[in-house]
Protein backbone atom coordinates (compact mmCIF):
# COMPACT_ATOMS: atom_id res chain seq x y z
CA MET A 1 -105.63 32.09 -13.07
CA ALA A 2 -102.53 32.51 -10.74
CA PHE A 3 -102.19 34.61 -7.56
CA LEU A 4 -99.44 34.95 -4.82
CA ASP A 5 -100.32 32.96 -1.72
CA THR A 6 -101.19 35.43 1.55
CA ASP A 7 -99.70 32.93 4.00
CA PRO A 8 -96.54 31.28 1.89
CA VAL A 9 -94.89 28.44 3.24
CA GLN A 10 -92.15 29.79 1.26
CA ARG A 11 -91.46 33.47 0.22
CA GLY A 12 -92.96 34.00 -3.03
CA THR A 13 -95.59 31.01 -3.21
CA ALA A 14 -98.30 31.19 -5.81
CA VAL A 15 -101.74 29.41 -5.86
CA VAL A 16 -103.12 28.42 -9.47
CA ILE A 17 -106.87 27.83 -9.67
CA PRO A 18 -109.54 26.88 -12.72
CA ARG A 19 -111.94 30.14 -12.76
CA GLU A 20 -114.86 28.10 -12.31
CA HIS A 21 -115.60 26.79 -8.73
CA VAL A 22 -114.07 23.04 -8.73
CA GLU A 23 -113.87 21.52 -5.23
CA ASP A 24 -111.83 18.29 -5.74
CA ILE A 25 -109.52 17.11 -8.03
CA TRP A 26 -112.25 14.14 -8.82
CA ASP A 27 -114.38 16.62 -9.79
CA LEU A 28 -111.79 18.51 -12.33
CA ASP A 29 -112.25 16.89 -16.04
CA THR A 30 -108.87 16.24 -17.99
CA GLU A 31 -108.60 19.39 -20.09
CA LEU A 32 -109.14 21.53 -16.47
CA PHE A 33 -106.26 19.81 -15.13
CA VAL A 34 -103.90 20.18 -18.12
CA LYS A 35 -104.65 23.83 -18.19
CA VAL A 36 -104.04 24.43 -14.53
CA PHE A 37 -100.56 22.40 -14.47
CA ALA A 38 -100.04 24.58 -17.92
CA ILE A 39 -99.97 27.59 -15.68
CA ALA A 40 -98.54 26.21 -13.04
CA LYS A 41 -95.78 25.63 -15.27
CA SER A 42 -95.79 29.37 -16.38
CA VAL A 43 -95.51 30.48 -13.02
CA ALA A 44 -92.94 28.41 -12.47
CA HIS A 45 -90.56 29.16 -15.11
CA ARG A 46 -91.39 33.00 -14.45
CA MET A 47 -90.43 32.38 -10.57
CA LYS A 48 -87.27 30.80 -11.99
CA GLU A 49 -86.38 34.19 -13.77
CA VAL A 50 -87.43 36.65 -11.57
CA ILE A 51 -86.90 34.87 -7.84
CA ASP A 52 -83.55 33.08 -8.74
CA THR A 53 -85.14 29.65 -7.65
CA GLU A 54 -83.02 26.59 -7.01
CA GLY A 55 -85.92 24.43 -7.65
CA ILE A 56 -90.20 24.56 -7.67
CA THR A 57 -92.29 22.00 -5.44
CA ILE A 58 -95.87 21.64 -6.91
CA PHE A 59 -98.59 20.57 -4.36
CA GLY A 60 -102.17 19.98 -5.60
CA GLN A 61 -104.51 20.14 -3.15
CA SER A 62 -108.21 19.10 -3.26
CA ALA A 63 -111.36 20.24 -1.00
CA LYS A 64 -110.30 22.40 1.75
CA PRO A 65 -107.31 21.50 3.67
CA PRO A 66 -106.66 21.77 7.23
CA GLY A 67 -106.07 25.12 8.00
CA SER A 68 -106.52 26.47 4.35
CA ARG A 69 -109.20 29.29 3.58
CA ILE A 70 -109.17 28.05 -0.09
CA HIS A 71 -112.55 25.64 -0.04
CA HIS A 72 -111.50 25.19 -4.05
CA PHE A 73 -109.15 22.82 -6.28
CA HIS A 74 -105.68 24.53 -6.26
CA VAL A 75 -101.81 23.96 -6.91
CA LEU A 76 -99.49 25.71 -4.61
CA VAL A 77 -96.17 26.20 -6.66
CA ILE A 78 -93.22 26.86 -4.20
CA PRO A 79 -89.86 28.40 -4.84
CA LEU A 80 -87.30 27.09 -3.60
CA GLY A 81 -84.22 29.71 -3.45
CA LYS A 82 -80.98 29.07 -2.72
CA GLY A 83 -80.15 26.46 0.04
CA GLU A 84 -84.10 26.47 0.74
CA ARG A 85 -84.12 23.11 -1.29
CA ARG A 86 -82.27 21.22 0.94
CA LYS A 87 -83.76 22.68 3.86
CA PHE A 88 -87.60 21.48 2.48
CA THR A 89 -85.88 18.58 1.47
CA LYS A 90 -84.70 17.67 5.26
CA TRP A 91 -88.27 18.44 6.59
CA TRP A 92 -90.49 16.42 3.90
CA VAL A 93 -87.77 14.00 5.22
CA SER A 94 -88.15 14.13 8.75
CA ALA A 95 -92.35 14.18 8.28
CA ALA A 96 -92.01 11.01 6.04
CA ARG A 97 -92.44 7.55 7.73
CA LYS A 98 -90.75 4.29 6.26
CA ALA A 99 -93.46 2.44 4.67
CA ARG A 100 -93.52 -1.92 5.30
CA ARG A 101 -92.57 -3.58 2.13
CA SER A 102 -95.98 -6.24 3.15
CA GLU A 103 -97.83 -2.68 3.15
CA LEU A 104 -96.52 -1.56 -0.08
CA ASP A 105 -97.17 -4.67 -2.32
CA ARG A 106 -100.53 -4.33 -0.67
CA LEU A 107 -101.27 -1.01 -1.82
CA ALA A 108 -99.61 -1.40 -5.20
CA ARG A 109 -101.88 -4.35 -5.79
CA SER A 110 -104.94 -2.27 -5.12
CA LEU A 111 -103.95 0.60 -7.10
CA ARG A 112 -103.04 -1.05 -10.03
CA PHE A 113 -105.29 -0.17 -12.87
CA ASP A 114 -104.89 -3.36 -14.71
CA HIS A 115 -106.50 -6.07 -12.44
CA ARG A 116 -105.93 -9.05 -14.66
CA PRO A 117 -104.06 -11.73 -13.24
CA ALA A 118 -100.48 -11.40 -13.79
CA ARG A 119 -97.40 -14.02 -14.54
CA HIS A 120 -95.25 -14.36 -11.30
CA GLU A 121 -92.05 -12.88 -12.76
CA GLU A 122 -94.40 -9.58 -13.80
CA THR A 123 -95.69 -9.41 -10.15
CA VAL A 124 -92.81 -9.38 -8.62
CA GLU A 125 -91.14 -6.94 -10.87
CA ARG A 126 -94.22 -4.35 -10.65
CA ALA A 127 -94.39 -5.22 -6.54
CA SER A 128 -90.65 -4.62 -6.32
CA SER A 129 -90.62 -1.21 -8.57
CA HIS A 130 -94.05 0.01 -6.66
CA ARG A 131 -94.88 2.33 -9.78
CA LEU A 132 -98.41 3.64 -10.17
């Protein structure tokens, strides 16, 4: 189900939640995950028609994020109106920090699902792309 956020970060922010209580993403089965994001996509399409958004940002939140009253897995669909995309990106960049290459390499290796030893060329290619 979806409803408007009562404390929106941007005008028109919507909250999408599964009807049954699911506290964390880890408790969410794949079918329900797909349903929640299908609803988020529908909400985003409607926002584009009605609010004339320039873009959409989607956040998934598990458990109870600091400052939130929602103790339930939920997705925020945030419409970005004319000029807001640039402001939002500027805010995001200001909140980000530069990661060290060694830190990214270690994390990328530990997050890899396939833990079989890779050939050196594949390891270098994967580490440099940091795709998970």
